[in-house]
Amino acid sequence: MNTSKAMVHFHLNGQAAQVAAGTSIAAALYLCGDGVARHSVSGQARAPVCGMGVCQECRVLVNGHSQLACQTLCAPGMVVESGEAS
């Protein structure tokens, strides 16, 4: 029996990345990066806090559009950009 989970390949901050299918972008930030979703206007690092889309701290750009990392699953070929002031 094959118990290996399908992997999703995408780009995170210009680097190729992969996570198990069904992984949120918020989780991928920790698994493949430094966990930072964005920086505030004053430069403070921000990361997912609530995990349910209320706090808005996990905003990232996905294929050029603002998305909540905790509410968005990684998809094949997506381009995720984090760390910008927003």
PDB file of N, CA and C in Angstrom:
ATOM      1  N   MET A   1       0.833  -1.179   0.000  1.00  0.00           N
ATOM      2  CA  MET A   1       0.000   0.000   0.000  1.00  0.00           C
ATOM      3  C   MET A   1       0.880   1.246   0.000  1.00  0.00           C
ATOM      4  N   ASN A   2       0.568   2.214  -0.861  1.00  0.00           N
ATOM      5  CA  ASN A   2       1.328   3.449  -0.959  1.00  0.00           C
ATOM      6  C   ASN A   2       0.695   4.497  -0.043  1.00  0.00           C
ATOM      7  N   THR A   3       1.410   4.893   0.997  1.00  0.00           N
ATOM      8  CA  THR A   3       0.880   5.876   1.943  1.00  0.00           C
ATOM      9  C   THR A   3       1.508   7.253   1.756  1.00  0.00           C
ATOM     10  N   SER A   4       2.309   7.431   0.700  1.00  0.00           N
ATOM     11  CA  SER A   4       2.929   8.736   0.477  1.00  0.00           C
ATOM     12  C   SER A   4       1.878   9.738   0.038  1.00  0.00           C
ATOM     13  N   LYS A   5       2.006  10.953   0.515  1.00  0.00           N
ATOM     14  CA  LYS A   5       1.046  12.009   0.211  1.00  0.00           C
ATOM     15  C   LYS A   5       1.517  12.786  -1.009  1.00  0.00           C
ATOM     16  N   ALA A   6       0.578  13.177  -1.842  1.00  0.00           N
ATOM     17  CA  ALA A   6       0.902  13.972  -3.018  1.00  0.00           C
ATOM     18  C   ALA A   6       1.533  15.291  -2.586  1.00  0.00           C
ATOM     19  N   MET A   7       2.468  15.761  -3.367  1.00  0.00           N
ATOM     20  CA  MET A   7       3.156  17.012  -3.064  1.00  0.00           C
ATOM     21  C   MET A   7       2.703  18.091  -4.040  1.00  0.00           C
ATOM     22  N   VAL A   8       2.662  19.320  -3.544  1.00  0.00           N
ATOM     23  CA  VAL A   8       2.311  20.485  -4.346  1.00  0.00           C
ATOM     24  C   VAL A   8       3.579  21.309  -4.522  1.00  0.00           C
ATOM     25  N   HIS A   9       3.899  21.629  -5.758  1.00  0.00           N
ATOM     26  CA  HIS A   9       5.080  22.430  -6.082  1.00  0.00           C
ATOM     27  C   HIS A   9       4.626  23.851  -6.416  1.00  0.00           C
ATOM     28  N   PHE A  10       5.273  24.842  -5.807  1.00  0.00           N
ATOM     29  CA  PHE A  10       4.923  26.245  -6.004  1.00  0.00           C
ATOM     30  C   PHE A  10       6.157  27.096  -5.776  1.00  0.00           C
ATOM     31  N   HIS A  11       6.033  28.407  -5.859  1.00  0.00           N
ATOM     32  CA  HIS A  11       7.155  29.314  -5.616  1.00  0.00           C
ATOM     33  C   HIS A  11       6.851  30.197  -4.420  1.00  0.00           C
ATOM     34  N   LEU A  12       7.798  30.285  -3.514  1.00  0.00           N
ATOM     35  CA  LEU A  12       7.673  31.114  -2.321  1.00  0.00           C
ATOM     36  C   LEU A  12       8.836  32.096  -2.309  1.00  0.00           C
ATOM     37  N   ASN A  13       8.525  33.359  -2.468  1.00  0.00           N
ATOM     38  CA  ASN A  13       9.545  34.409  -2.475  1.00  0.00           C
ATOM     39  C   ASN A  13      10.674  34.121  -3.458  1.00  0.00           C
ATOM     40  N   GLY A  14      10.283  33.693  -4.653  1.00  0.00           N
ATOM     41  CA  GLY A  14      11.246  33.462  -5.719  1.00  0.00           C
ATOM     42  C   GLY A  14      11.974  32.128  -5.679  1.00  0.00           C
ATOM     43  N   GLN A  15      11.664  31.295  -4.707  1.00  0.00           N
ATOM     44  CA  GLN A  15      12.323  30.001  -4.581  1.00  0.00           C
ATOM     45  C   GLN A  15      11.318  28.873  -4.799  1.00  0.00           C
ATOM     46  N   ALA A  16      11.755  27.818  -5.451  1.00  0.00           N
ATOM     47  CA  ALA A  16      10.895  26.647  -5.610  1.00  0.00           C
ATOM     48  C   ALA A  16      10.648  26.027  -4.238  1.00  0.00           C
ATOM     49  N   ALA A  17       9.418  25.612  -4.002  1.00  0.00           N
ATOM     50  CA  ALA A  17       9.055  25.008  -2.724  1.00  0.00           C
ATOM     51  C   ALA A  17       8.059  23.884  -2.973  1.00  0.00           C
ATOM     52  N   GLN A  18       7.930  23.007  -2.002  1.00  0.00           N
ATOM     53  CA  GLN A  18       6.928  21.953  -2.089  1.00  0.00           C
ATOM     54  C   GLN A  18       6.436  21.591  -0.698  1.00  0.00           C
ATOM     55  N   VAL A  19       5.150  21.293  -0.627  1.00  0.00           N
ATOM     56  CA  VAL A  19       4.516  20.872   0.619  1.00  0.00           C
ATOM     57  C   VAL A  19       3.511  19.781   0.283  1.00  0.00           C
ATOM     58  N   ALA A  20       3.035  19.103   1.286  1.00  0.00           N
ATOM     59  CA  ALA A  20       2.016  18.079   1.082  1.00  0.00           C
ATOM     60  C   ALA A  20       0.715  18.735   0.624  1.00  0.00           C
ATOM     61  N   ALA A  21      -0.012  18.069  -0.235  1.00  0.00           N
ATOM     62  CA  ALA A  21      -1.311  18.566  -0.683  1.00  0.00           C
ATOM     63  C   ALA A  21      -2.186  18.833   0.531  1.00  0.00           C
ATOM     64  N   GLY A  22      -2.955  19.924   0.488  1.00  0.00           N
ATOM     65  CA  GLY A  22      -3.824  20.285   1.591  1.00  0.00           C
ATOM     66  C   GLY A  22      -3.188  21.203   2.616  1.00  0.00           C
ATOM     67  N   THR A  23      -1.956  21.631   2.368  1.00  0.00           N
ATOM     68  CA  THR A  23      -1.238  22.517   3.283  1.00  0.00           C
ATOM     69  C   THR A  23      -1.607  23.968   2.994  1.00  0.00           C
ATOM     70  N   SER A  24      -1.903  24.727   4.040  1.00  0.00           N
ATOM     71  CA  SER A  24      -2.197  26.147   3.859  1.00  0.00           C
ATOM     72  C   SER A  24      -0.906  26.910   3.576  1.00  0.00           C
ATOM     73  N   ILE A  25      -1.054  28.087   2.991  1.00  0.00           N
ATOM     74  CA  ILE A  25       0.118  28.926   2.757  1.00  0.00           C
ATOM     75  C   ILE A  25       0.747  29.307   4.094  1.00  0.00           C
ATOM     76  N   ALA A  26      -0.069  29.555   5.118  1.00  0.00           N
ATOM     77  CA  ALA A  26       0.468  29.904   6.440  1.00  0.00           C
ATOM     78  C   ALA A  26       1.400  28.802   6.948  1.00  0.00           C
ATOM     79  N   ALA A  27       0.994  27.561   6.825  1.00  0.00           N
ATOM     80  CA  ALA A  27       1.851  26.452   7.253  1.00  0.00           C
ATOM     81  C   ALA A  27       3.093  26.365   6.376  1.00  0.00           C
ATOM     82  N   ALA A  28       2.937  26.612   5.080  1.00  0.00           N
ATOM     83  CA  ALA A  28       4.077  26.563   4.163  1.00  0.00           C
ATOM     84  C   ALA A  28       5.104  27.628   4.494  1.00  0.00           C
ATOM     85  N   LEU A  29       4.642  28.785   4.998  1.00  0.00           N
ATOM     86  CA  LEU A  29       5.587  29.829   5.399  1.00  0.00           C
ATOM     87  C   LEU A  29       6.542  29.311   6.465  1.00  0.00           C
ATOM     88  N   TYR A  30       6.032  28.511   7.381  1.00  0.00           N
ATOM     89  CA  TYR A  30       6.878  27.934   8.430  1.00  0.00           C
ATOM     90  C   TYR A  30       7.702  26.752   7.917  1.00  0.00           C
ATOM     91  N   LEU A  31       7.089  25.928   7.088  1.00  0.00           N
ATOM     92  CA  LEU A  31       7.781  24.736   6.597  1.00  0.00           C
ATOM     93  C   LEU A  31       8.893  25.065   5.603  1.00  0.00           C
ATOM     94  N   CYS A  32       8.695  26.097   4.794  1.00  0.00           N
ATOM     95  CA  CYS A  32       9.624  26.395   3.700  1.00  0.00           C
ATOM     96  C   CYS A  32      10.337  27.729   3.852  1.00  0.00           C
ATOM     97  N   GLY A  33       9.983  28.500   4.853  1.00  0.00           N
ATOM     98  CA  GLY A  33      10.566  29.829   4.997  1.00  0.00           C
ATOM     99  C   GLY A  33      10.806  30.167   6.444  1.00  0.00           C
ATOM    100  N   ASP A  34      10.659  31.442   6.746  1.00  0.00           N
ATOM    101  CA  ASP A  34      10.936  31.910   8.107  1.00  0.00           C
ATOM    102  C   ASP A  34       9.663  32.146   8.919  1.00  0.00           C
ATOM    103  N   GLY A  35       8.506  31.855   8.346  1.00  0.00           N
ATOM    104  CA  GLY A  35       7.247  32.012   9.055  1.00  0.00           C
ATOM    105  C   GLY A  35       6.641  33.393   8.946  1.00  0.00           C
ATOM    106  N   VAL A  36       7.360  34.334   8.357  1.00  0.00           N
ATOM    107  CA  VAL A  36       6.892  35.712   8.259  1.00  0.00           C
ATOM    108  C   VAL A  36       5.984  35.856   7.038  1.00  0.00           C
ATOM    109  N   ALA A  37       4.790  36.394   7.268  1.00  0.00           N
ATOM    110  CA  ALA A  37       3.858  36.625   6.170  1.00  0.00           C
ATOM    111  C   ALA A  37       4.073  37.999   5.542  1.00  0.00           C
ATOM    112  N   ARG A  38       4.370  38.981   6.376  1.00  0.00           N
ATOM    113  CA  ARG A  38       4.544  40.347   5.890  1.00  0.00           C
ATOM    114  C   ARG A  38       5.281  41.152   6.944  1.00  0.00           C
ATOM    115  N   HIS A  39       5.604  42.379   6.608  1.00  0.00           N
ATOM    116  CA  HIS A  39       6.169  43.326   7.560  1.00  0.00           C
ATOM    117  C   HIS A  39       5.237  44.526   7.647  1.00  0.00           C
ATOM    118  N   SER A  40       5.084  45.056   8.828  1.00  0.00           N
ATOM    119  CA  SER A  40       4.246  46.245   9.004  1.00  0.00           C
ATOM    120  C   SER A  40       4.953  47.439   8.371  1.00  0.00           C
ATOM    121  N   VAL A  41       4.249  48.539   8.280  1.00  0.00           N
ATOM    122  CA  VAL A  41       4.822  49.757   7.714  1.00  0.00           C
ATOM    123  C   VAL A  41       6.052  50.186   8.513  1.00  0.00           C
ATOM    124  N   SER A  42       6.055  49.903   9.828  1.00  0.00           N
ATOM    125  CA  SER A  42       7.204  50.264  10.660  1.00  0.00           C
ATOM    126  C   SER A  42       8.320  49.225  10.609  1.00  0.00           C
ATOM    127  N   GLY A  43       8.112  48.129   9.845  1.00  0.00           N
ATOM    128  CA  GLY A  43       9.160  47.131   9.661  1.00  0.00           C
ATOM    129  C   GLY A  43       9.077  45.911  10.551  1.00  0.00           C
ATOM    130  N   GLN A  44       8.070  45.832  11.416  1.00  0.00           N
ATOM    131  CA  GLN A  44       7.949  44.670  12.297  1.00  0.00           C
ATOM    132  C   GLN A  44       7.453  43.454  11.512  1.00  0.00           C
ATOM    133  N   ALA A  45       8.074  42.307  11.772  1.00  0.00           N
ATOM    134  CA  ALA A  45       7.648  41.056  11.136  1.00  0.00           C
ATOM    135  C   ALA A  45       6.276  40.652  11.668  1.00  0.00           C
ATOM    136  N   ARG A  46       5.423  40.210  10.768  1.00  0.00           N
ATOM    137  CA  ARG A  46       4.084  39.750  11.126  1.00  0.00           C
ATOM    138  C   ARG A  46       3.925  38.311  10.655  1.00  0.00           C
ATOM    139  N   ALA A  47       3.219  37.532  11.443  1.00  0.00           N
ATOM    140  CA  ALA A  47       2.985  36.123  11.123  1.00  0.00           C
ATOM    141  C   ALA A  47       1.526  35.804  11.437  1.00  0.00           C
ATOM    142  N   PRO A  48       1.030  34.683  10.933  1.00  0.00           N
ATOM    143  CA  PRO A  48      -0.337  34.284  11.250  1.00  0.00           C
ATOM    144  C   PRO A  48      -0.541  34.202  12.762  1.00  0.00           C
ATOM    145  N   VAL A  49      -1.678  34.724  13.228  1.00  0.00           N
ATOM    146  CA  VAL A  49      -1.979  34.720  14.655  1.00  0.00           C
ATOM    147  C   VAL A  49      -3.199  33.862  14.938  1.00  0.00           C
ATOM    148  N   CYS A  50      -4.320  34.181  14.315  1.00  0.00           N
ATOM    149  CA  CYS A  50      -5.576  33.520  14.691  1.00  0.00           C
ATOM    150  C   CYS A  50      -5.827  32.227  13.921  1.00  0.00           C
ATOM    151  N   GLY A  51      -5.319  32.118  12.694  1.00  0.00           N
ATOM    152  CA  GLY A  51      -5.519  30.916  11.899  1.00  0.00           C
ATOM    153  C   GLY A  51      -6.918  30.769  11.322  1.00  0.00           C
ATOM    154  N   MET A  52      -7.759  31.812  11.442  1.00  0.00           N
ATOM    155  CA  MET A  52      -9.114  31.711  10.899  1.00  0.00           C
ATOM    156  C   MET A  52      -9.536  32.949  10.114  1.00  0.00           C
ATOM    157  N   GLY A  53      -8.597  33.794   9.751  1.00  0.00           N
ATOM    158  CA  GLY A  53      -8.875  34.911   8.872  1.00  0.00           C
ATOM    159  C   GLY A  53      -9.363  36.181   9.529  1.00  0.00           C
ATOM    160  N   VAL A  54      -9.380  36.241  10.843  1.00  0.00           N
ATOM    161  CA  VAL A  54      -9.883  37.425  11.532  1.00  0.00           C
ATOM    162  C   VAL A  54      -8.798  38.480  11.709  1.00  0.00           C
ATOM    163  N   CYS A  55      -7.598  38.090  12.081  1.00  0.00           N
ATOM    164  CA  CYS A  55      -6.562  39.055  12.454  1.00  0.00           C
ATOM    165  C   CYS A  55      -5.922  39.761  11.257  1.00  0.00           C
ATOM    166  N   GLN A  56      -5.967  39.159  10.092  1.00  0.00           N
ATOM    167  CA  GLN A  56      -5.407  39.742   8.868  1.00  0.00           C
ATOM    168  C   GLN A  56      -3.884  39.866   8.886  1.00  0.00           C
ATOM    169  N   GLU A  57      -3.218  39.281   9.850  1.00  0.00           N
ATOM    170  CA  GLU A  57      -1.753  39.386   9.938  1.00  0.00           C
ATOM    171  C   GLU A  57      -1.027  38.511   8.911  1.00  0.00           C
ATOM    172  N   CYS A  58      -1.739  37.608   8.277  1.00  0.00           N
ATOM    173  CA  CYS A  58      -1.082  36.671   7.364  1.00  0.00           C
ATOM    174  C   CYS A  58      -1.255  37.035   5.892  1.00  0.00           C
ATOM    175  N   ARG A  59      -1.524  38.298   5.604  1.00  0.00           N
ATOM    176  CA  ARG A  59      -1.707  38.710   4.215  1.00  0.00           C
ATOM    177  C   ARG A  59      -0.427  38.501   3.403  1.00  0.00           C
ATOM    178  N   VAL A  60      -0.580  37.856   2.263  1.00  0.00           N
ATOM    179  CA  VAL A  60       0.512  37.645   1.311  1.00  0.00           C
ATOM    180  C   VAL A  60      -0.025  37.912  -0.093  1.00  0.00           C
ATOM    181  N   LEU A  61       0.872  38.030  -1.056  1.00  0.00           N
ATOM    182  CA  LEU A  61       0.450  38.121  -2.449  1.00  0.00           C
ATOM    183  C   LEU A  61       0.509  36.736  -3.066  1.00  0.00           C
ATOM    184  N   VAL A  62      -0.585  36.328  -3.670  1.00  0.00           N
ATOM    185  CA  VAL A  62      -0.655  35.049  -4.374  1.00  0.00           C
ATOM    186  C   VAL A  62      -0.987  35.360  -5.826  1.00  0.00           C
ATOM    187  N   ASN A  63      -0.045  35.064  -6.693  1.00  0.00           N
ATOM    188  CA  ASN A  63      -0.206  35.380  -8.115  1.00  0.00           C
ATOM    189  C   ASN A  63      -0.606  36.848  -8.300  1.00  0.00           C
ATOM    190  N   GLY A  64      -0.022  37.722  -7.466  1.00  0.00           N
ATOM    191  CA  GLY A  64      -0.236  39.148  -7.582  1.00  0.00           C
ATOM    192  C   GLY A  64      -1.462  39.696  -6.869  1.00  0.00           C
ATOM    193  N   HIS A  65      -2.213  38.841  -6.183  1.00  0.00           N
ATOM    194  CA  HIS A  65      -3.426  39.268  -5.491  1.00  0.00           C
ATOM    195  C   HIS A  65      -3.293  39.021  -3.994  1.00  0.00           C
ATOM    196  N   SER A  66      -3.770  39.966  -3.190  1.00  0.00           N
ATOM    197  CA  SER A  66      -3.711  39.830  -1.740  1.00  0.00           C
ATOM    198  C   SER A  66      -4.628  38.694  -1.271  1.00  0.00           C
ATOM    199  N   GLN A  67      -4.075  37.797  -0.451  1.00  0.00           N
ATOM    200  CA  GLN A  67      -4.818  36.661   0.086  1.00  0.00           C
ATOM    201  C   GLN A  67      -4.437  36.473   1.544  1.00  0.00           C
ATOM    202  N   LEU A  68      -5.295  35.817   2.296  1.00  0.00           N
ATOM    203  CA  LEU A  68      -4.967  35.425   3.660  1.00  0.00           C
ATOM    204  C   LEU A  68      -4.299  34.055   3.599  1.00  0.00           C
ATOM    205  N   ALA A  69      -3.082  33.974   4.092  1.00  0.00           N
ATOM    206  CA  ALA A  69      -2.319  32.729   4.026  1.00  0.00           C
ATOM    207  C   ALA A  69      -2.978  31.601   4.814  1.00  0.00           C
ATOM    208  N   CYS A  70      -3.661  31.935   5.902  1.00  0.00           N
ATOM    209  CA  CYS A  70      -4.274  30.886   6.722  1.00  0.00           C
ATOM    210  C   CYS A  70      -5.525  30.311   6.078  1.00  0.00           C
ATOM    211  N   GLN A  71      -6.105  31.003   5.113  1.00  0.00           N
ATOM    212  CA  GLN A  71      -7.347  30.569   4.481  1.00  0.00           C
ATOM    213  C   GLN A  71      -7.146  30.077   3.053  1.00  0.00           C
ATOM    214  N   THR A  72      -5.896  30.015   2.597  1.00  0.00           N
ATOM    215  CA  THR A  72      -5.600  29.645   1.218  1.00  0.00           C
ATOM    216  C   THR A  72      -4.686  28.431   1.186  1.00  0.00           C
ATOM    217  N   LEU A  73      -5.112  27.401   0.461  1.00  0.00           N
ATOM    218  CA  LEU A  73      -4.287  26.201   0.324  1.00  0.00           C
ATOM    219  C   LEU A  73      -3.274  26.398  -0.802  1.00  0.00           C
ATOM    220  N   CYS A  74      -2.118  25.803  -0.638  1.00  0.00           N
ATOM    221  CA  CYS A  74      -1.106  25.830  -1.692  1.00  0.00           C
ATOM    222  C   CYS A  74      -1.635  25.076  -2.901  1.00  0.00           C
ATOM    223  N   ALA A  75      -1.379  25.624  -4.072  1.00  0.00           N
ATOM    224  CA  ALA A  75      -1.820  25.010  -5.318  1.00  0.00           C
ATOM    225  C   ALA A  75      -0.626  24.915  -6.264  1.00  0.00           C
ATOM    226  N   PRO A  76      -0.644  23.925  -7.133  1.00  0.00           N
ATOM    227  CA  PRO A  76       0.472  23.755  -8.060  1.00  0.00           C
ATOM    228  C   PRO A  76       0.727  25.013  -8.890  1.00  0.00           C
ATOM    229  N   GLY A  77       1.983  25.436  -8.929  1.00  0.00           N
ATOM    230  CA  GLY A  77       2.399  26.552  -9.764  1.00  0.00           C
ATOM    231  C   GLY A  77       2.128  27.937  -9.207  1.00  0.00           C
ATOM    232  N   MET A  78       1.478  28.036  -8.046  1.00  0.00           N
ATOM    233  CA  MET A  78       1.185  29.369  -7.513  1.00  0.00           C
ATOM    234  C   MET A  78       2.474  30.082  -7.136  1.00  0.00           C
ATOM    235  N   VAL A  79       2.409  31.403  -7.177  1.00  0.00           N
ATOM    236  CA  VAL A  79       3.549  32.247  -6.806  1.00  0.00           C
ATOM    237  C   VAL A  79       3.136  33.038  -5.581  1.00  0.00           C
ATOM    238  N   VAL A  80       3.822  32.778  -4.463  1.00  0.00           N
ATOM    239  CA  VAL A  80       3.515  33.433  -3.201  1.00  0.00           C
ATOM    240  C   VAL A  80       4.657  34.388  -2.863  1.00  0.00           C
ATOM    241  N   GLU A  81       4.277  35.628  -2.534  1.00  0.00           N
ATOM    242  CA  GLU A  81       5.257  36.636  -2.131  1.00  0.00           C
ATOM    243  C   GLU A  81       4.878  37.139  -0.746  1.00  0.00           C
ATOM    244  N   SER A  82       5.795  37.045   0.178  1.00  0.00           N
ATOM    245  CA  SER A  82       5.548  37.525   1.535  1.00  0.00           C
ATOM    246  C   SER A  82       6.567  38.586   1.887  1.00  0.00           C
ATOM    247  N   GLY A  83       6.344  39.225   3.030  1.00  0.00           N
ATOM    248  CA  GLY A  83       7.345  40.148   3.547  1.00  0.00           C
ATOM    249  C   GLY A  83       7.171  41.590   3.197  1.00  0.00           C
ATOM    250  N   GLU A  84       6.295  41.944   2.272  1.00  0.00           N
ATOM    251  CA  GLU A  84       6.116  43.341   1.895  1.00  0.00           C
ATOM    252  C   GLU A  84       5.283  44.061   2.933  1.00  0.00           C
ATOM    253  N   ALA A  85       5.520  45.315   3.087  1.00  0.00           N
ATOM    254  CA  ALA A  85       4.696  46.137   3.990  1.00  0.00           C
ATOM    255  C   ALA A  85       3.297  46.237   3.418  1.00  0.00           C
ATOM    256  N   SER A  86       2.318  45.985   4.248  1.00  0.00           N
ATOM    257  CA  SER A  86       0.917  46.112   3.797  1.00  0.00           C
ATOM    258  C   SER A  86       0.028  46.361   4.986  1.00  0.00           C
TER     259      SER A  86
END
